[in-house]
Protein backbone atom coordinates (compact mmCIF):
# COMPACT_ATOMS: atom_id res chain seq x y z
CA UNK A 1 241.84 28.65 122.82
CA UNK A 2 241.94 25.68 125.15
CA UNK A 3 238.79 23.81 126.04
CA UNK A 4 237.92 21.51 128.91
CA UNK A 5 236.12 18.62 127.25
CA UNK A 6 235.31 16.41 130.23
CA UNK A 7 233.44 17.81 133.18
CA UNK A 8 234.24 16.75 136.75
CA UNK A 9 231.99 14.23 138.45
CA UNK A 10 230.53 17.02 140.57
CA UNK A 11 229.98 20.63 139.53
CA UNK A 12 227.61 21.67 142.34
CA UNK A 13 226.60 20.73 145.85
CA UNK A 14 223.83 21.57 148.29
CA UNK A 15 224.28 23.42 151.56
CA UNK A 16 221.03 22.40 153.23
CA UNK A 17 218.47 23.38 150.56
CA UNK A 18 220.64 25.89 148.69
CA UNK A 19 222.31 24.70 145.49
CA UNK A 20 225.87 25.98 145.13
CA UNK A 21 227.34 26.41 141.65
CA UNK A 22 230.13 26.29 140.82
CA UNK A 23 231.33 24.04 143.64
CA UNK A 24 234.05 26.46 144.72
CA UNK A 25 234.76 28.53 147.82
CA UNK A 26 237.13 31.45 148.23
CA UNK A 27 239.09 30.43 151.33
CA UNK A 28 239.10 33.09 154.04
CA UNK A 29 242.58 34.54 154.51
CA UNK A 30 243.22 37.08 157.24
CA UNK A 31 244.53 40.33 155.79
CA UNK A 32 243.66 39.30 152.23
CA UNK A 33 240.03 38.32 151.61
CA UNK A 34 238.32 41.46 152.80
CA UNK A 35 235.27 42.83 151.01
CA UNK A 36 237.26 44.57 148.22
CA UNK A 37 239.22 41.39 147.36
CA UNK A 38 236.08 39.26 147.44
CA UNK A 39 234.34 41.86 145.27
CA UNK A 40 237.28 41.77 142.85
CA UNK A 41 237.10 37.99 142.52
CA UNK A 42 233.34 38.08 142.04
CA UNK A 43 233.55 40.67 139.25
CA UNK A 44 236.34 38.75 137.50
CA UNK A 45 234.30 35.55 137.76
CA UNK A 46 231.28 37.05 136.07
CA UNK A 47 229.38 36.68 139.35
CA UNK A 48 229.97 32.91 139.53
CA UNK A 49 231.81 32.30 142.78
CA UNK A 50 230.06 29.46 144.59
CA UNK A 51 230.49 30.55 148.22
CA UNK A 52 232.29 33.48 149.81
CA UNK A 53 233.41 33.54 153.45
CA UNK A 54 234.42 36.42 155.70
CA UNK A 55 237.84 36.88 157.16
CA UNK A 56 237.66 35.07 160.49
CA UNK A 57 236.10 36.99 163.35
CA UNK A 58 237.60 36.72 166.86
CA UNK A 59 235.25 36.04 169.76
CA UNK A 60 237.67 35.86 172.71
CA UNK A 61 238.73 39.48 172.94
CA UNK A 62 235.63 41.13 174.36
CA UNK A 63 233.81 40.16 177.53
CA UNK A 64 230.61 40.82 175.59
CA UNK A 65 230.84 40.38 171.82
CA UNK A 66 229.99 43.57 169.93
CA UNK A 67 229.54 43.19 166.14
CA UNK A 68 230.30 46.90 165.64
CA UNK A 69 233.89 46.30 166.68
CA UNK A 70 234.68 43.83 163.89
CA UNK A 71 235.30 45.16 160.39
CA UNK A 72 235.52 41.56 159.13
CA UNK A 73 231.72 41.37 159.31
CA UNK A 74 231.20 43.89 156.52
CA UNK A 75 229.98 42.42 153.26
CA UNK A 76 227.95 43.53 150.25
CA UNK A 77 224.56 42.09 149.21
CA UNK A 78 226.06 40.86 145.92
CA UNK A 79 228.44 38.61 147.86
CA UNK A 80 225.66 36.22 148.80
CA UNK A 81 225.59 33.30 149.35
CA UNK A 82 227.96 34.42 152.10
CA UNK A 83 229.24 32.80 155.27
CA UNK A 84 230.77 34.33 158.39
CA UNK A 85 233.61 32.45 160.05
CA UNK A 86 234.30 32.81 163.77
CA UNK A 87 237.13 31.59 165.96
CA UNK A 88 237.81 31.31 169.66
CA UNK A 89 238.34 28.83 172.47
CA UNK A 90 235.44 29.56 174.80
CA UNK A 91 232.19 27.73 173.93
CA UNK A 92 229.94 30.29 175.60
CA UNK A 93 231.56 33.25 173.85
CA UNK A 94 231.55 31.48 170.48
CA UNK A 95 227.85 30.68 170.87
CA UNK A 96 226.95 34.20 171.95
CA UNK A 97 228.88 35.74 169.05
CA UNK A 98 227.30 33.33 166.57
CA UNK A 99 223.84 34.29 167.79
CA UNK A 100 224.50 38.02 167.57
CA UNK A 101 225.99 37.70 164.09
CA UNK A 102 223.23 35.45 162.79
CA UNK A 103 220.44 37.72 164.03
CA UNK A 104 222.03 40.90 162.74
CA UNK A 105 223.57 39.86 159.41
CA UNK A 106 221.62 36.74 158.40
CA UNK A 107 224.51 35.09 156.50
CA UNK A 108 223.86 31.88 154.59
CA UNK A 109 225.96 29.97 157.14
CA UNK A 110 228.08 30.38 160.26
CA UNK A 111 231.45 28.60 160.19
CA UNK A 112 233.68 27.60 163.11
CA UNK A 113 237.40 27.89 162.40
CA UNK A 114 239.50 24.93 163.55
CA UNK A 115 242.13 25.43 160.89
CA UNK A 116 244.02 28.71 161.36
CA UNK A 117 247.70 27.86 161.99
CA UNK A 118 248.86 31.33 163.12
CA UNK A 119 250.81 31.07 166.40
CA UNK A 120 248.79 33.88 167.98
CA UNK A 121 245.63 31.86 167.28
CA UNK A 122 246.60 28.18 167.42
CA UNK A 123 249.04 28.68 170.27
CA UNK A 124 246.22 29.95 172.47
CA UNK A 125 244.00 26.98 171.78
CA UNK A 126 241.69 28.33 169.08
CA UNK A 127 241.87 27.79 165.32
CA UNK A 128 243.84 24.62 164.65
CA UNK A 129 244.74 24.57 168.36
CA UNK A 130 241.29 23.01 168.87
CA UNK A 131 242.59 19.89 167.15
CA UNK A 132 244.60 19.24 170.31
CA UNK A 133 241.42 19.39 172.38
CA UNK A 134 238.59 17.71 170.47
CA UNK A 135 236.26 17.66 173.50
CA UNK A 136 236.48 21.46 173.55
CA UNK A 137 235.83 21.61 169.81
CA UNK A 138 232.81 19.38 170.33
CA UNK A 139 231.51 21.64 173.09
CA UNK A 140 231.96 24.71 170.88
CA UNK A 141 230.06 23.11 168.01
CA UNK A 142 227.32 21.93 170.37
CA UNK A 143 226.80 25.36 171.94
CA UNK A 144 226.96 27.26 168.64
CA UNK A 145 224.49 24.85 167.02
CA UNK A 146 222.12 25.11 169.97
CA UNK A 147 222.18 28.90 169.78
CA UNK A 148 221.59 28.96 166.03
CA UNK A 149 218.67 26.55 166.33
CA UNK A 150 217.13 28.73 169.01
CA UNK A 151 217.61 32.09 167.30
CA UNK A 152 217.99 31.49 163.55
CA UNK A 153 217.22 27.85 162.70
CA UNK A 154 217.38 28.61 159.00
CA UNK A 155 221.15 29.26 159.19
CA UNK A 156 223.34 26.11 159.02
CA UNK A 157 226.57 25.53 160.93
CA UNK A 158 229.75 24.57 159.05
CA UNK A 159 233.31 23.76 160.11
CA UNK A 160 236.78 24.39 158.66
CA UNK A 161 239.64 22.24 159.96
CA UNK A 162 243.08 20.82 159.20
CA UNK A 163 243.87 17.12 159.15
CA UNK A 164 245.55 17.32 162.56
CA UNK A 165 248.14 19.08 164.68
CA UNK A 166 251.16 17.19 163.31
CA UNK A 167 251.94 13.94 161.48
CA UNK A 168 251.81 11.99 164.75
CA UNK A 169 248.34 13.23 165.68
CA UNK A 170 246.23 13.26 162.52
CA UNK A 171 242.67 13.15 163.82
CA UNK A 172 240.53 14.48 161.01
CA UNK A 173 238.34 11.36 160.99
CA UNK A 174 237.52 11.97 164.65
CA UNK A 175 236.82 15.60 163.82
CA UNK A 176 234.40 14.50 161.09
CA UNK A 177 232.56 12.21 163.51
CA UNK A 178 232.22 15.01 166.07
CA UNK A 179 231.08 17.48 163.40
CA UNK A 180 228.37 15.22 162.04
CA UNK A 181 227.23 14.32 165.55
CA UNK A 182 226.80 18.00 166.44
CA UNK A 183 224.81 18.89 163.34
CA UNK A 184 227.52 20.49 161.20
CA UNK A 185 226.23 20.60 157.60
CA UNK A 186 229.47 21.12 155.64
CA UNK A 187 233.11 20.37 156.45
CA UNK A 188 236.03 22.04 154.69
CA UNK A 189 239.31 20.19 155.18
CA UNK A 190 242.70 21.80 154.61
CA UNK A 191 245.03 18.92 153.82
CA UNK A 192 247.94 20.07 155.97
CA UNK A 193 248.71 19.71 159.66
CA UNK A 194 249.05 22.76 161.89
CA UNK A 195 252.78 22.17 162.19
CA UNK A 196 253.16 22.33 158.41
CA UNK A 197 251.71 25.81 158.28
CA UNK A 198 251.73 26.32 154.52
CA UNK A 199 254.89 24.33 153.92
CA UNK A 200 254.94 21.24 151.71
CA UNK A 201 251.98 19.97 149.75
CA UNK A 202 248.50 19.26 151.07
CA UNK A 203 247.70 15.62 151.79
CA UNK A 204 244.71 14.95 149.58
CA UNK A 205 244.68 11.26 150.49
CA UNK A 206 243.36 12.23 153.92
CA UNK A 207 240.86 14.63 152.39
CA UNK A 208 239.64 11.76 150.20
CA UNK A 209 239.22 9.47 153.21
CA UNK A 210 237.07 12.09 154.91
CA UNK A 211 234.95 12.61 151.80
CA UNK A 212 234.40 8.85 151.45
CA UNK A 213 233.26 8.49 155.06
CA UNK A 214 231.13 11.63 155.32
CA UNK A 215 227.38 12.02 155.08
CA UNK A 216 227.71 15.80 154.63
CA UNK A 217 229.43 17.78 151.85
CA UNK A 218 233.22 17.76 152.24
CA UNK A 219 235.17 20.55 150.57
CA UNK A 220 238.88 19.98 149.87
CA UNK A 221 241.40 22.76 150.40
CA UNK A 222 245.08 22.96 149.51
CA UNK A 223 247.19 23.75 146.42
CA UNK A 224 244.32 24.12 143.93
CA UNK A 225 245.72 26.52 141.35
CA UNK A 226 243.96 25.77 138.05
CA UNK A 227 240.83 24.43 136.39
CA UNK A 228 242.60 21.18 135.64
CA UNK A 229 243.73 20.82 139.24
CA UNK A 230 240.21 21.47 140.57
CA UNK A 231 238.74 18.86 138.24
CA UNK A 232 241.39 16.28 139.15
CA UNK A 233 240.87 16.81 142.90
CA UNK A 234 237.09 16.46 142.61
CA UNK A 235 237.28 13.37 140.41
CA UNK A 236 240.08 11.60 142.29
CA UNK A 237 239.14 12.31 145.89
CA UNK A 238 235.36 12.49 145.73
CA UNK A 239 235.01 15.89 147.39
CA UNK A 240 231.88 17.92 146.86
CA UNK A 241 233.94 20.95 145.86
CA UNK A 242 237.20 22.82 146.33
CA UNK A 243 238.21 25.78 148.46
CA UNK A 244 240.85 28.04 146.92
CA UNK A 245 243.02 30.44 148.90
CA UNK A 246 246.52 31.35 147.77
CA UNK A 247 245.69 30.13 144.28
CA UNK A 248 243.21 33.00 144.06
CA UNK A 249 245.90 35.48 145.10
CA UNK A 250 247.98 34.32 142.13
CA UNK A 251 244.94 34.15 139.84
CA UNK A 252 241.75 35.94 140.96
CA UNK A 253 240.14 34.86 137.67
CA UNK A 254 240.25 31.18 138.66
CA UNK A 255 236.62 30.99 139.84
CA UNK A 256 235.34 32.29 136.52
CA UNK A 257 237.63 29.91 134.65
CA UNK A 258 236.24 26.99 136.65
CA UNK A 259 232.66 28.13 136.06
CA UNK A 260 233.37 28.42 132.33
CA UNK A 261 234.77 24.89 132.26
CA UNK A 262 231.86 23.42 134.23
CA UNK A 263 229.46 25.15 131.80
CA UNK A 264 231.35 23.67 128.83
CA UNK A 265 232.71 27.01 127.66
CA UNK A 266 236.13 27.64 126.18
CA UNK A 267 238.85 28.40 128.69
CA UNK A 268 239.51 32.11 129.01
CA UNK A 269 243.20 32.84 128.49
CA UNK A 270 244.24 35.96 130.40
CA UNK A 271 246.67 38.30 128.68
CA UNK A 272 249.39 40.17 130.53
CA UNK A 273 247.60 43.43 129.77
CA UNK A 274 244.39 42.06 131.26
CA UNK A 275 246.27 40.91 134.34
CA UNK A 276 247.61 44.42 134.83
CA UNK A 277 244.11 45.88 134.49
CA UNK A 278 243.23 44.30 137.83
CA UNK A 279 245.21 46.92 139.78
CA UNK A 280 243.14 50.04 139.08
CA UNK A 281 239.98 48.00 139.67
CA UNK A 282 241.25 46.68 143.00
CA UNK A 283 242.37 50.18 144.00
CA UNK A 284 238.89 51.52 143.20
CA UNK A 285 237.26 48.86 145.39
CA UNK A 286 239.65 49.54 148.28
CA UNK A 287 239.00 53.29 148.21
CA UNK A 288 235.24 52.73 147.99
CA UNK A 289 235.58 50.54 151.09
CA UNK A 290 237.17 53.43 153.00
CA UNK A 291 240.85 52.47 152.75
CA UNK A 292 243.52 55.15 152.83
CA UNK A 293 245.71 55.61 149.76
CA UNK A 294 248.66 53.99 151.57
CA UNK A 295 246.61 51.00 152.68
CA UNK A 296 245.22 50.54 149.18
CA UNK A 297 248.72 50.73 147.71
CA UNK A 298 249.94 48.14 150.22
CA UNK A 299 247.22 45.74 149.16
CA UNK A 300 248.00 46.36 145.48
CA UNK A 301 251.63 45.49 146.17
CA UNK A 302 250.55 42.37 148.05
CA UNK A 303 248.61 41.30 144.97
CA UNK A 304 251.42 42.32 142.60
CA UNK A 305 253.93 40.11 144.43
CA UNK A 306 251.69 37.14 143.65
CA UNK A 307 250.45 38.02 140.17
CA UNK A 308 253.88 38.84 138.81
CA UNK A 309 255.02 35.26 139.42
CA UNK A 310 252.69 34.27 136.61
CA UNK A 311 254.26 36.55 134.03
CA UNK A 312 256.42 34.75 131.45
CA UNK A 313 258.46 36.30 128.64
CA UNK A 314 259.95 33.92 126.10
CA UNK A 315 262.45 36.47 124.83
CA UNK A 316 263.97 37.46 128.18
CA UNK A 317 263.59 35.72 131.54
CA UNK A 318 264.33 39.00 133.32
CA UNK A 319 261.32 40.84 131.88
CA UNK A 320 258.88 39.45 134.43
CA UNK A 321 261.27 40.36 137.25
CA UNK A 322 261.49 43.88 135.86
CA UNK A 323 257.71 44.21 135.98
CA UNK A 324 257.62 42.99 139.59
CA UNK A 325 260.37 45.42 140.62
CA UNK A 326 258.69 48.32 138.81
CA UNK A 327 255.47 47.79 140.76
CA UNK A 328 256.86 46.95 144.18
CA UNK A 329 259.22 49.92 144.36
CA UNK A 330 256.51 52.56 143.81
CA UNK A 331 256.14 55.11 146.59
CA UNK A 332 252.52 56.12 146.03
CA UNK A 333 249.31 54.70 144.62
CA UNK A 334 249.35 57.27 141.81
CA UNK A 335 252.88 56.25 140.86
CA UNK A 336 251.91 52.58 140.89
CA UNK A 337 248.86 53.10 138.71
CA UNK A 338 250.93 55.20 136.31
CA UNK A 339 253.53 52.44 136.20
CA UNK A 340 250.79 49.90 135.42
CA UNK A 341 249.73 51.95 132.40
CA UNK A 342 253.33 52.25 131.17
CA UNK A 343 253.82 48.50 131.53
CA UNK A 344 250.65 47.80 129.57
CA UNK A 345 251.95 49.94 126.74
CA UNK A 346 255.42 48.42 126.86
CA UNK A 347 256.78 45.30 128.57
CA UNK A 348 253.40 43.59 128.91
CA UNK A 349 253.31 43.11 125.15
CA UNK A 350 256.31 40.81 125.44
CA UNK A 351 254.75 38.64 128.13
CA UNK A 352 252.04 36.06 128.70
CA UNK A 353 250.25 35.40 131.99
CA UNK A 354 250.41 31.75 133.10
CA UNK A 355 249.53 31.57 136.82
CA UNK A 356 248.83 27.82 136.74
CA UNK A 357 252.53 27.13 136.23
CA UNK A 358 253.03 27.86 139.94
CA UNK A 359 252.68 24.48 141.61
CA UNK A 360 254.39 25.62 144.80
CA UNK A 361 252.25 28.25 146.52
CA UNK A 362 253.95 27.76 149.88
CA UNK A 363 254.75 30.34 152.49
CA UNK A 364 257.48 30.28 155.11
CA UNK A 365 258.36 26.99 156.74
CA UNK A 366 257.55 26.50 160.40
CA UNK A 367 259.04 23.70 162.46
CA UNK A 368 257.67 24.32 165.94
CA UNK A 369 255.05 26.24 167.87
CA UNK A 370 254.85 26.81 171.58
CA UNK A 371 251.57 25.47 172.88
CA UNK A 372 250.81 25.90 176.53
CA UNK A 373 249.02 29.14 177.35
CA UNK A 374 245.85 28.18 175.60
CA UNK A 375 243.41 27.86 178.48
CA UNK A 376 244.61 30.58 180.84
CA UNK A 377 242.58 33.62 181.71
CA UNK A 378 239.07 32.37 181.25
């Protein structure tokens, strides 16, 4: 068993008066981090997750925001401390939605999204598109903060952003100044530009500059895929904590592993059989959440495509590929769960599970994004 002997410089941080341990956040990912996935990560962590955040909630679509129309708002009591992230480009609609959400759900924080790189979001001026219009971002933060102070002053405002739109317009230091001036109480910085999407590696030097200049907790986000990586990022760049997204898709145990390390416990080594056990548990959570069998199977395959990259077989390099193919070609949830059991009794015994070997967690490369329709149709 491996053991982490030296703790990071920081193992917790405060969001207003609430102490957060471990100093980790599950990054919100649209179409991934719904309640069943968050529940899965929390169970695998031994209920030591730091902070959880909703999938981002759109505020532009309805003339009058109606919480009942947004499934992203659903969460379980055991997910607390829990934050709800909203996105949009209209300050009045963002503020109104924040007020409705805060009064109805009483999350531990409301977060404004200025980081989503999706063309359908950023290209219309919300998400990371706000980084091309910082006065608008400032107005959004101002109006949301004013509404929260009037309706639910106990709920803090936080912000998630990228370092800039592209390499020629990195403006994260200006974003920090605006955020602090408008009363934001935590800033999470994804160390890529919008143009990068998820290509290349996150620029932690910029994250470190923000952390050094900030008077509020700064959480670093990008390419954290192991306990050792989390510790190195915290120690080297002075962040208050780390936010983990795609790393959690490859290894949903990572939050528990970090908590173990910060508590001085031995590192839990996950076996291939244990990794496969995650599928029936995830399926159970999806069905309990009201998913259809086909939807639940689709999400299991989504997770399988990531997890299987961590399987290693010393005797035959093709074994891990065989496991991936066996799971992804199933035609029903029952067939997939049956295949999982067969793999546990067979090929899994020849493999180990080493998700931290995956340094490159990148998605598809993007080189351009049309940006021009963002402020039409108010």
